[in-house]
């Protein structure tokens, strides 16, 4: 492993910024699966001086949140996986719903996704892939736009009104679409999702796919996740998938309600 370079001088972090915030900025600099960042790249992404970056990165590596490659780059450490596995909204929910996802995967032969909402994005907590069912770019732990995917539309449709309005007031671009989605179109779509209990979205990257999603409810009848099937548009009709997706989502909801599986607090609630 190469020697660490001398800690260079750099601008001071913002006065009063807690050390923990700076450390979290370092972790947030890793955005893609397998990211390996040099000290300079990590410093640039985190917006911190190299000296501060090096000091914090070394400490995070000692704890196990980061690891160092033979080339001296930084990568996410296994200790974070250990901690993340304790999340009731991630691993706990996944354990409860996975048997139903497997049934749906076996019945359809298509990709099956499970996602939860984190603020204005959906986070994929599980994915069962089908090798002959086209290509899906989403990865476990990855973030998905709420307005452009089936699981996202379900989660947005059942989100608090103020968050819905914030999304409606924001940028509503869609990948590879010649025109942006309008707020009125999205508002009508969300109303239809709430009415029908199912969302259908078209995905165009890297190929034409249809996403059919339904909500999963906990014992409080709150929507805690969304389940979807993603299939090639050319070979599978979305309408044909909807009954199976809805039925499996309802079965998973009943299991959560019956067994009292821990799914964690609402993403909009934090009691400090």
C-alpha atoms as a PDB file:
ATOM      1  CA  UNK A   1       0.000   0.000   0.000  1.00  0.00           C
ATOM      2  CA  UNK A   2       1.499   3.409  -0.908  1.00  0.00           C
ATOM      3  CA  UNK A   3       2.498   5.875   1.760  1.00  0.00           C
ATOM      4  CA  UNK A   4      -0.042   8.550   2.569  1.00  0.00           C
ATOM      5  CA  UNK A   5       0.935  11.901   1.061  1.00  0.00           C
ATOM      6  CA  UNK A   6       1.727  14.750   3.419  1.00  0.00           C
ATOM      7  CA  UNK A   7      -1.463  16.408   4.549  1.00  0.00           C
ATOM      8  CA  UNK A   8      -1.679  19.477   2.286  1.00  0.00           C
ATOM      9  CA  UNK A   9      -2.922  22.831   3.335  1.00  0.00           C
ATOM     10  CA  UNK A  10      -6.430  23.800   2.293  1.00  0.00           C
ATOM     11  CA  UNK A  11      -9.231  26.100   3.115  1.00  0.00           C
ATOM     12  CA  UNK A  12     -10.770  25.685   6.526  1.00  0.00           C
ATOM     13  CA  UNK A  13     -14.158  23.968   6.808  1.00  0.00           C
ATOM     14  CA  UNK A  14     -17.133  26.192   7.480  1.00  0.00           C
ATOM     15  CA  UNK A  15     -16.896  27.635  10.975  1.00  0.00           C
ATOM     16  CA  UNK A  16     -18.967  25.658  13.429  1.00  0.00           C
ATOM     17  CA  UNK A  17     -19.608  22.697  11.126  1.00  0.00           C
ATOM     18  CA  UNK A  18     -19.648  19.601  13.357  1.00  0.00           C
ATOM     19  CA  UNK A  19     -17.030  16.952  12.697  1.00  0.00           C
ATOM     20  CA  UNK A  20     -19.765  14.356  12.251  1.00  0.00           C
ATOM     21  CA  UNK A  21     -21.269  16.412   9.414  1.00  0.00           C
ATOM     22  CA  UNK A  22     -17.912  16.503   7.646  1.00  0.00           C
ATOM     23  CA  UNK A  23     -17.520  12.752   8.104  1.00  0.00           C
ATOM     24  CA  UNK A  24     -20.976  12.179   6.649  1.00  0.00           C
ATOM     25  CA  UNK A  25     -20.048  14.340   3.664  1.00  0.00           C
ATOM     26  CA  UNK A  26     -17.158  11.980   3.014  1.00  0.00           C
ATOM     27  CA  UNK A  27     -19.427   8.944   3.085  1.00  0.00           C
ATOM     28  CA  UNK A  28     -21.959  10.686   0.832  1.00  0.00           C
ATOM     29  CA  UNK A  29     -19.214  11.226  -1.744  1.00  0.00           C
ATOM     30  CA  UNK A  30     -19.526   7.545  -2.696  1.00  0.00           C
ATOM     31  CA  UNK A  31     -22.391   7.527  -5.182  1.00  0.00           C
ATOM     32  CA  UNK A  32     -21.996   4.463  -7.358  1.00  0.00           C
ATOM     33  CA  UNK A  33     -21.479   0.780  -6.685  1.00  0.00           C
ATOM     34  CA  UNK A  34     -17.777   0.014  -6.496  1.00  0.00           C
ATOM     35  CA  UNK A  35     -16.667   3.649  -6.243  1.00  0.00           C
ATOM     36  CA  UNK A  36     -12.942   3.834  -5.440  1.00  0.00           C
ATOM     37  CA  UNK A  37     -11.909   7.433  -4.807  1.00  0.00           C
ATOM     38  CA  UNK A  38      -8.453   8.916  -4.573  1.00  0.00           C
ATOM     39  CA  UNK A  39      -7.784  11.399  -1.801  1.00  0.00           C
ATOM     40  CA  UNK A  40      -8.080  14.263  -4.272  1.00  0.00           C
ATOM     41  CA  UNK A  41     -11.347  13.003  -5.747  1.00  0.00           C
ATOM     42  CA  UNK A  42     -12.805  12.336  -2.296  1.00  0.00           C
ATOM     43  CA  UNK A  43     -11.813  15.832  -1.180  1.00  0.00           C
ATOM     44  CA  UNK A  44     -13.378  17.358  -4.301  1.00  0.00           C
ATOM     45  CA  UNK A  45     -16.666  15.484  -3.998  1.00  0.00           C
ATOM     46  CA  UNK A  46     -17.012  16.188  -0.278  1.00  0.00           C
ATOM     47  CA  UNK A  47     -16.062  19.846  -0.661  1.00  0.00           C
ATOM     48  CA  UNK A  48     -13.415  19.592   2.055  1.00  0.00           C
ATOM     49  CA  UNK A  49      -9.698  20.439   2.146  1.00  0.00           C
ATOM     50  CA  UNK A  50      -7.374  17.516   1.505  1.00  0.00           C
ATOM     51  CA  UNK A  51      -5.916  17.757   5.007  1.00  0.00           C
ATOM     52  CA  UNK A  52      -9.373  17.472   6.585  1.00  0.00           C
ATOM     53  CA  UNK A  53     -10.362  14.731   4.151  1.00  0.00           C
ATOM     54  CA  UNK A  54      -7.264  12.679   4.915  1.00  0.00           C
ATOM     55  CA  UNK A  55      -7.670  13.002   8.675  1.00  0.00           C
ATOM     56  CA  UNK A  56     -11.346  12.029   8.649  1.00  0.00           C
ATOM     57  CA  UNK A  57     -10.892   9.271   6.069  1.00  0.00           C
ATOM     58  CA  UNK A  58      -8.159   7.680   8.171  1.00  0.00           C
ATOM     59  CA  UNK A  59     -10.414   7.718  11.220  1.00  0.00           C
ATOM     60  CA  UNK A  60     -13.332   6.258   9.262  1.00  0.00           C
ATOM     61  CA  UNK A  61     -11.019   3.550   7.945  1.00  0.00           C
ATOM     62  CA  UNK A  62      -9.912   2.694  11.487  1.00  0.00           C
ATOM     63  CA  UNK A  63     -13.555   2.187  12.441  1.00  0.00           C
ATOM     64  CA  UNK A  64     -14.305   0.191   9.287  1.00  0.00           C
ATOM     65  CA  UNK A  65     -16.605   2.622   7.485  1.00  0.00           C
ATOM     66  CA  UNK A  66     -13.957   3.026   4.769  1.00  0.00           C
ATOM     67  CA  UNK A  67     -11.223   0.741   3.491  1.00  0.00           C
ATOM     68  CA  UNK A  68      -8.030   1.466   1.574  1.00  0.00           C
ATOM     69  CA  UNK A  69      -7.131  -0.330  -1.648  1.00  0.00           C
ATOM     70  CA  UNK A  70      -3.599  -1.337  -2.639  1.00  0.00           C
ATOM     71  CA  UNK A  71      -3.557   1.732  -4.888  1.00  0.00           C
ATOM     72  CA  UNK A  72      -4.354   4.003  -1.967  1.00  0.00           C
ATOM     73  CA  UNK A  73      -7.925   4.754  -3.030  1.00  0.00           C
ATOM     74  CA  UNK A  74     -10.774   4.768  -0.538  1.00  0.00           C
ATOM     75  CA  UNK A  75     -13.788   2.443  -0.818  1.00  0.00           C
ATOM     76  CA  UNK A  76     -16.819   1.827   1.385  1.00  0.00           C
ATOM     77  CA  UNK A  77     -16.020  -0.590   4.212  1.00  0.00           C
ATOM     78  CA  UNK A  78     -17.861  -3.708   5.323  1.00  0.00           C
ATOM     79  CA  UNK A  79     -18.659  -2.181   8.720  1.00  0.00           C
ATOM     80  CA  UNK A  80     -21.263   0.019   7.027  1.00  0.00           C
ATOM     81  CA  UNK A  81     -22.940  -3.059   5.553  1.00  0.00           C
ATOM     82  CA  UNK A  82     -23.075  -4.551   9.030  1.00  0.00           C
ATOM     83  CA  UNK A  83     -24.742  -1.435  10.425  1.00  0.00           C
ATOM     84  CA  UNK A  84     -27.103  -1.002   7.467  1.00  0.00           C
ATOM     85  CA  UNK A  85     -28.313  -4.589   7.845  1.00  0.00           C
ATOM     86  CA  UNK A  86     -29.872  -3.606  11.184  1.00  0.00           C
ATOM     87  CA  UNK A  87     -32.269  -1.106   9.588  1.00  0.00           C
ATOM     88  CA  UNK A  88     -35.894  -2.233  10.080  1.00  0.00           C
ATOM     89  CA  UNK A  89     -36.927  -0.283   6.978  1.00  0.00           C
ATOM     90  CA  UNK A  90     -34.275  -2.104   4.975  1.00  0.00           C
ATOM     91  CA  UNK A  91     -33.249  -5.549   6.095  1.00  0.00           C
ATOM     92  CA  UNK A  92     -36.205  -6.114   8.456  1.00  0.00           C
ATOM     93  CA  UNK A  93     -38.751  -5.256   5.786  1.00  0.00           C
ATOM     94  CA  UNK A  94     -36.816  -7.242   3.209  1.00  0.00           C
ATOM     95  CA  UNK A  95     -36.873 -10.383   5.362  1.00  0.00           C
ATOM     96  CA  UNK A  96     -40.631 -10.118   5.827  1.00  0.00           C
ATOM     97  CA  UNK A  97     -41.462  -9.476   2.165  1.00  0.00           C
ATOM     98  CA  UNK A  98     -38.820 -11.607   0.421  1.00  0.00           C
ATOM     99  CA  UNK A  99     -40.877 -14.856   0.359  1.00  0.00           C
ATOM    100  CA  UNK A 100     -43.668 -13.017  -1.455  1.00  0.00           C
ATOM    101  CA  UNK A 101     -41.203 -11.441  -3.865  1.00  0.00           C
ATOM    102  CA  UNK A 102     -39.863 -14.898  -4.664  1.00  0.00           C
ATOM    103  CA  UNK A 103     -43.387 -16.138  -5.413  1.00  0.00           C
ATOM    104  CA  UNK A 104     -43.988 -13.192  -7.740  1.00  0.00           C
ATOM    105  CA  UNK A 105     -40.605 -13.663  -9.399  1.00  0.00           C
ATOM    106  CA  UNK A 106     -41.332 -17.352 -10.003  1.00  0.00           C
ATOM    107  CA  UNK A 107     -44.829 -16.649 -11.346  1.00  0.00           C
ATOM    108  CA  UNK A 108     -43.829 -13.872 -13.760  1.00  0.00           C
ATOM    109  CA  UNK A 109     -40.234 -14.659 -14.662  1.00  0.00           C
ATOM    110  CA  UNK A 110     -39.523 -10.923 -14.514  1.00  0.00           C
ATOM    111  CA  UNK A 111     -37.544  -8.502 -12.361  1.00  0.00           C
ATOM    112  CA  UNK A 112     -39.138  -7.870  -8.947  1.00  0.00           C
ATOM    113  CA  UNK A 113     -38.241  -4.757  -6.923  1.00  0.00           C
ATOM    114  CA  UNK A 114     -38.929  -3.632  -3.354  1.00  0.00           C
ATOM    115  CA  UNK A 115     -38.444   0.023  -2.423  1.00  0.00           C
ATOM    116  CA  UNK A 116     -39.051   2.424   0.447  1.00  0.00           C
ATOM    117  CA  UNK A 117     -39.215   6.212   0.435  1.00  0.00           C
ATOM    118  CA  UNK A 118     -36.444   8.411   1.794  1.00  0.00           C
ATOM    119  CA  UNK A 119     -37.513  12.051   1.556  1.00  0.00           C
ATOM    120  CA  UNK A 120     -38.003  12.798  -2.174  1.00  0.00           C
ATOM    121  CA  UNK A 121     -36.475   9.578  -3.494  1.00  0.00           C
ATOM    122  CA  UNK A 122     -37.165   5.875  -3.414  1.00  0.00           C
ATOM    123  CA  UNK A 123     -34.434   3.561  -2.131  1.00  0.00           C
ATOM    124  CA  UNK A 124     -34.266   0.033  -3.525  1.00  0.00           C
ATOM    125  CA  UNK A 125     -33.935  -2.463  -0.655  1.00  0.00           C
ATOM    126  CA  UNK A 126     -34.233  -5.692  -2.662  1.00  0.00           C
ATOM    127  CA  UNK A 127     -34.221  -6.836  -6.255  1.00  0.00           C
ATOM    128  CA  UNK A 128     -34.745 -10.274  -7.749  1.00  0.00           C
ATOM    129  CA  UNK A 129     -33.332 -10.323 -11.258  1.00  0.00           C
ATOM    130  CA  UNK A 130     -34.413 -12.295 -14.290  1.00  0.00           C
ATOM    131  CA  UNK A 131     -31.613 -12.896 -16.788  1.00  0.00           C
ATOM    132  CA  UNK A 132     -33.892 -13.075 -19.816  1.00  0.00           C
ATOM    133  CA  UNK A 133     -36.191 -10.225 -18.882  1.00  0.00           C
ATOM    134  CA  UNK A 134     -34.260  -7.245 -20.190  1.00  0.00           C
ATOM    135  CA  UNK A 135     -31.862  -4.921 -18.422  1.00  0.00           C
ATOM    136  CA  UNK A 136     -32.716  -2.868 -15.337  1.00  0.00           C
ATOM    137  CA  UNK A 137     -30.202  -0.300 -14.127  1.00  0.00           C
ATOM    138  CA  UNK A 138     -31.420  -0.027 -10.537  1.00  0.00           C
ATOM    139  CA  UNK A 139     -29.254  -1.614  -7.836  1.00  0.00           C
ATOM    140  CA  UNK A 140     -29.956  -2.499  -4.221  1.00  0.00           C
ATOM    141  CA  UNK A 141     -29.254   0.594  -2.148  1.00  0.00           C
ATOM    142  CA  UNK A 142     -29.650   2.822  -5.183  1.00  0.00           C
ATOM    143  CA  UNK A 143     -31.966   5.811  -5.296  1.00  0.00           C
ATOM    144  CA  UNK A 144     -34.860   6.100  -7.731  1.00  0.00           C
ATOM    145  CA  UNK A 145     -36.849   9.201  -8.769  1.00  0.00           C
ATOM    146  CA  UNK A 146     -40.305   9.194  -7.223  1.00  0.00           C
ATOM    147  CA  UNK A 147     -42.062  10.589 -10.283  1.00  0.00           C
ATOM    148  CA  UNK A 148     -40.478   8.387 -12.951  1.00  0.00           C
ATOM    149  CA  UNK A 149     -40.868   4.786 -11.744  1.00  0.00           C
ATOM    150  CA  UNK A 150     -43.656   2.472 -10.657  1.00  0.00           C
ATOM    151  CA  UNK A 151     -42.440   2.072  -7.077  1.00  0.00           C
ATOM    152  CA  UNK A 152     -41.749   5.787  -6.906  1.00  0.00           C
ATOM    153  CA  UNK A 153     -45.250   6.724  -8.025  1.00  0.00           C
ATOM    154  CA  UNK A 154     -46.796   4.445  -5.397  1.00  0.00           C
ATOM    155  CA  UNK A 155     -44.657   5.913  -2.626  1.00  0.00           C
ATOM    156  CA  UNK A 156     -45.262   9.479  -3.795  1.00  0.00           C
ATOM    157  CA  UNK A 157     -49.016   8.942  -4.085  1.00  0.00           C
ATOM    158  CA  UNK A 158     -49.130   7.980  -0.408  1.00  0.00           C
ATOM    159  CA  UNK A 159     -46.598  10.538   0.841  1.00  0.00           C
ATOM    160  CA  UNK A 160     -47.608  13.574   2.939  1.00  0.00           C
ATOM    161  CA  UNK A 161     -49.319  16.330   0.977  1.00  0.00           C
ATOM    162  CA  UNK A 162     -46.514  18.840   1.528  1.00  0.00           C
ATOM    163  CA  UNK A 163     -43.925  16.463   0.093  1.00  0.00           C
ATOM    164  CA  UNK A 164     -46.139  15.761  -2.912  1.00  0.00           C
ATOM    165  CA  UNK A 165     -46.435  19.488  -3.533  1.00  0.00           C
ATOM    166  CA  UNK A 166     -42.673  19.926  -3.229  1.00  0.00           C
ATOM    167  CA  UNK A 167     -42.140  17.258  -5.894  1.00  0.00           C
ATOM    168  CA  UNK A 168     -44.863  18.728  -8.093  1.00  0.00           C
ATOM    169  CA  UNK A 169     -43.200  22.139  -7.850  1.00  0.00           C
ATOM    170  CA  UNK A 170     -39.764  20.731  -8.713  1.00  0.00           C
ATOM    171  CA  UNK A 171     -38.147  19.492 -11.897  1.00  0.00           C
ATOM    172  CA  UNK A 172     -40.169  16.701 -13.483  1.00  0.00           C
ATOM    173  CA  UNK A 173     -37.885  15.626 -16.288  1.00  0.00           C
ATOM    174  CA  UNK A 174     -38.011  12.027 -17.500  1.00  0.00           C
ATOM    175  CA  UNK A 175     -35.006  10.184 -18.950  1.00  0.00           C
ATOM    176  CA  UNK A 176     -34.993  10.112 -22.760  1.00  0.00           C
ATOM    177  CA  UNK A 177     -38.384  11.827 -23.019  1.00  0.00           C
ATOM    178  CA  UNK A 178     -38.670  14.764 -25.469  1.00  0.00           C
ATOM    179  CA  UNK A 179     -40.920  16.680 -23.085  1.00  0.00           C
ATOM    180  CA  UNK A 180     -40.923  16.985 -19.308  1.00  0.00           C
ATOM    181  CA  UNK A 181     -43.836  15.630 -17.313  1.00  0.00           C
ATOM    182  CA  UNK A 182     -46.144  18.446 -16.231  1.00  0.00           C
ATOM    183  CA  UNK A 183     -47.338  18.953 -12.678  1.00  0.00           C
ATOM    184  CA  UNK A 184     -50.966  18.519 -13.755  1.00  0.00           C
ATOM    185  CA  UNK A 185     -50.176  15.208 -15.469  1.00  0.00           C
ATOM    186  CA  UNK A 186     -48.360  13.931 -12.406  1.00  0.00           C
ATOM    187  CA  UNK A 187     -51.152  15.081 -10.085  1.00  0.00           C
ATOM    188  CA  UNK A 188     -53.697  13.123 -12.148  1.00  0.00           C
ATOM    189  CA  UNK A 189     -51.413  10.085 -12.163  1.00  0.00           C
ATOM    190  CA  UNK A 190     -51.071  10.141  -8.367  1.00  0.00           C
ATOM    191  CA  UNK A 191     -54.841  10.365  -7.946  1.00  0.00           C
ATOM    192  CA  UNK A 192     -55.240   7.372 -10.262  1.00  0.00           C
ATOM    193  CA  UNK A 193     -52.648   5.384  -8.285  1.00  0.00           C
ATOM    194  CA  UNK A 194     -54.535   6.033  -5.034  1.00  0.00           C
ATOM    195  CA  UNK A 195     -57.838   5.129  -6.654  1.00  0.00           C
ATOM    196  CA  UNK A 196     -56.707   1.955  -8.427  1.00  0.00           C
ATOM    197  CA  UNK A 197     -54.104   0.741  -5.940  1.00  0.00           C
ATOM    198  CA  UNK A 198     -51.556   0.194  -8.699  1.00  0.00           C
ATOM    199  CA  UNK A 199     -49.075   2.305 -10.668  1.00  0.00           C
ATOM    200  CA  UNK A 200     -47.767   1.751 -14.184  1.00  0.00           C
ATOM    201  CA  UNK A 201     -44.697   3.557 -15.487  1.00  0.00           C
ATOM    202  CA  UNK A 202     -42.732   3.332 -18.720  1.00  0.00           C
ATOM    203  CA  UNK A 203     -38.951   3.083 -18.542  1.00  0.00           C
ATOM    204  CA  UNK A 204     -36.882   3.766 -21.643  1.00  0.00           C
ATOM    205  CA  UNK A 205     -33.329   3.124 -20.447  1.00  0.00           C
ATOM    206  CA  UNK A 206     -31.474   1.055 -21.406  1.00  0.00           C
ATOM    207  CA  UNK A 207     -34.467  -0.452 -23.243  1.00  0.00           C
ATOM    208  CA  UNK A 208     -38.242  -0.073 -23.217  1.00  0.00           C
ATOM    209  CA  UNK A 209     -39.600  -1.573 -19.997  1.00  0.00           C
ATOM    210  CA  UNK A 210     -42.874  -1.363 -18.072  1.00  0.00           C
ATOM    211  CA  UNK A 211     -42.969  -1.096 -14.294  1.00  0.00           C
ATOM    212  CA  UNK A 212     -46.126  -2.199 -12.460  1.00  0.00           C
ATOM    213  CA  UNK A 213     -46.180  -1.432  -8.727  1.00  0.00           C
ATOM    214  CA  UNK A 214     -48.488  -1.718  -5.717  1.00  0.00           C
ATOM    215  CA  UNK A 215     -48.273  -0.508  -2.097  1.00  0.00           C
ATOM    216  CA  UNK A 216     -47.384  -2.565   0.976  1.00  0.00           C
ATOM    217  CA  UNK A 217     -49.136  -1.517   4.208  1.00  0.00           C
ATOM    218  CA  UNK A 218     -48.098  -2.085   7.808  1.00  0.00           C
ATOM    219  CA  UNK A 219     -50.338  -2.740  10.814  1.00  0.00           C
ATOM    220  CA  UNK A 220     -51.180   0.976  10.990  1.00  0.00           C
ATOM    221  CA  UNK A 221     -52.343   0.832   7.361  1.00  0.00           C
ATOM    222  CA  UNK A 222     -49.505   3.169   6.451  1.00  0.00           C
ATOM    223  CA  UNK A 223     -47.730   2.559   3.142  1.00  0.00           C
ATOM    224  CA  UNK A 224     -44.229   1.466   4.139  1.00  0.00           C
ATOM    225  CA  UNK A 225     -42.965   0.132   0.813  1.00  0.00           C
ATOM    226  CA  UNK A 226     -43.789  -0.492  -2.822  1.00  0.00           C
ATOM    227  CA  UNK A 227     -43.455  -3.753  -4.732  1.00  0.00           C
ATOM    228  CA  UNK A 228     -43.076  -3.867  -8.505  1.00  0.00           C
ATOM    229  CA  UNK A 229     -42.502  -6.091 -11.498  1.00  0.00           C
ATOM    230  CA  UNK A 230     -40.382  -4.659 -14.314  1.00  0.00           C
ATOM    231  CA  UNK A 231     -40.729  -6.359 -17.697  1.00  0.00           C
ATOM    232  CA  UNK A 232     -39.929  -5.664 -21.371  1.00  0.00           C
ATOM    233  CA  UNK A 233     -42.717  -3.608 -22.899  1.00  0.00           C
ATOM    234  CA  UNK A 234     -42.498  -5.492 -26.187  1.00  0.00           C
ATOM    235  CA  UNK A 235     -43.220  -8.912 -24.696  1.00  0.00           C
ATOM    236  CA  UNK A 236     -45.392  -8.324 -21.618  1.00  0.00           C
ATOM    237  CA  UNK A 237     -48.552  -6.259 -21.208  1.00  0.00           C
ATOM    238  CA  UNK A 238     -48.553  -4.177 -18.044  1.00  0.00           C
ATOM    239  CA  UNK A 239     -52.274  -4.772 -17.575  1.00  0.00           C
ATOM    240  CA  UNK A 240     -51.648  -8.515 -17.439  1.00  0.00           C
ATOM    241  CA  UNK A 241     -49.129  -8.107 -14.613  1.00  0.00           C
ATOM    242  CA  UNK A 242     -51.211  -5.788 -12.434  1.00  0.00           C
ATOM    243  CA  UNK A 243     -53.484  -8.400 -10.763  1.00  0.00           C
ATOM    244  CA  UNK A 244     -50.527 -10.526  -9.673  1.00  0.00           C
ATOM    245  CA  UNK A 245     -48.570  -7.545  -8.345  1.00  0.00           C
ATOM    246  CA  UNK A 246     -51.551  -6.242  -6.373  1.00  0.00           C
ATOM    247  CA  UNK A 247     -52.387  -9.687  -4.979  1.00  0.00           C
ATOM    248  CA  UNK A 248     -48.832 -10.341  -3.808  1.00  0.00           C
ATOM    249  CA  UNK A 249     -48.498  -6.853  -2.294  1.00  0.00           C
ATOM    250  CA  UNK A 250     -51.717  -7.429  -0.342  1.00  0.00           C
ATOM    251  CA  UNK A 251     -50.501 -10.822   0.859  1.00  0.00           C
ATOM    252  CA  UNK A 252     -47.230  -9.264   2.009  1.00  0.00           C
ATOM    253  CA  UNK A 253     -49.192  -6.527   3.779  1.00  0.00           C
ATOM    254  CA  UNK A 254     -51.308  -9.088   5.619  1.00  0.00           C
ATOM    255  CA  UNK A 255     -48.166 -10.899   6.737  1.00  0.00           C
ATOM    256  CA  UNK A 256     -46.656  -7.672   8.060  1.00  0.00           C
ATOM    257  CA  UNK A 257     -49.862  -6.857   9.907  1.00  0.00           C
ATOM    258  CA  UNK A 258     -50.260 -10.374  11.301  1.00  0.00           C
ATOM    259  CA  UNK A 259     -46.687 -10.940  12.399  1.00  0.00           C
ATOM    260  CA  UNK A 260     -46.026  -7.400  13.549  1.00  0.00           C
ATOM    261  CA  UNK A 261     -42.774  -7.279  11.610  1.00  0.00           C
ATOM    262  CA  UNK A 262     -40.730  -4.214  12.427  1.00  0.00           C
ATOM    263  CA  UNK A 263     -40.628  -1.815   9.513  1.00  0.00           C
ATOM    264  CA  UNK A 264     -39.294   1.180  11.408  1.00  0.00           C
ATOM    265  CA  UNK A 265     -40.702   4.671  11.840  1.00  0.00           C
ATOM    266  CA  UNK A 266     -42.302   6.703   9.118  1.00  0.00           C
ATOM    267  CA  UNK A 267     -39.669   8.401   6.930  1.00  0.00           C
ATOM    268  CA  UNK A 268     -41.281  11.717   7.893  1.00  0.00           C
ATOM    269  CA  UNK A 269     -41.014  11.160  11.647  1.00  0.00           C
ATOM    270  CA  UNK A 270     -38.028  11.544  13.910  1.00  0.00           C
ATOM    271  CA  UNK A 271     -38.294  11.907  17.652  1.00  0.00           C
ATOM    272  CA  UNK A 272     -35.077  13.490  18.842  1.00  0.00           C
END
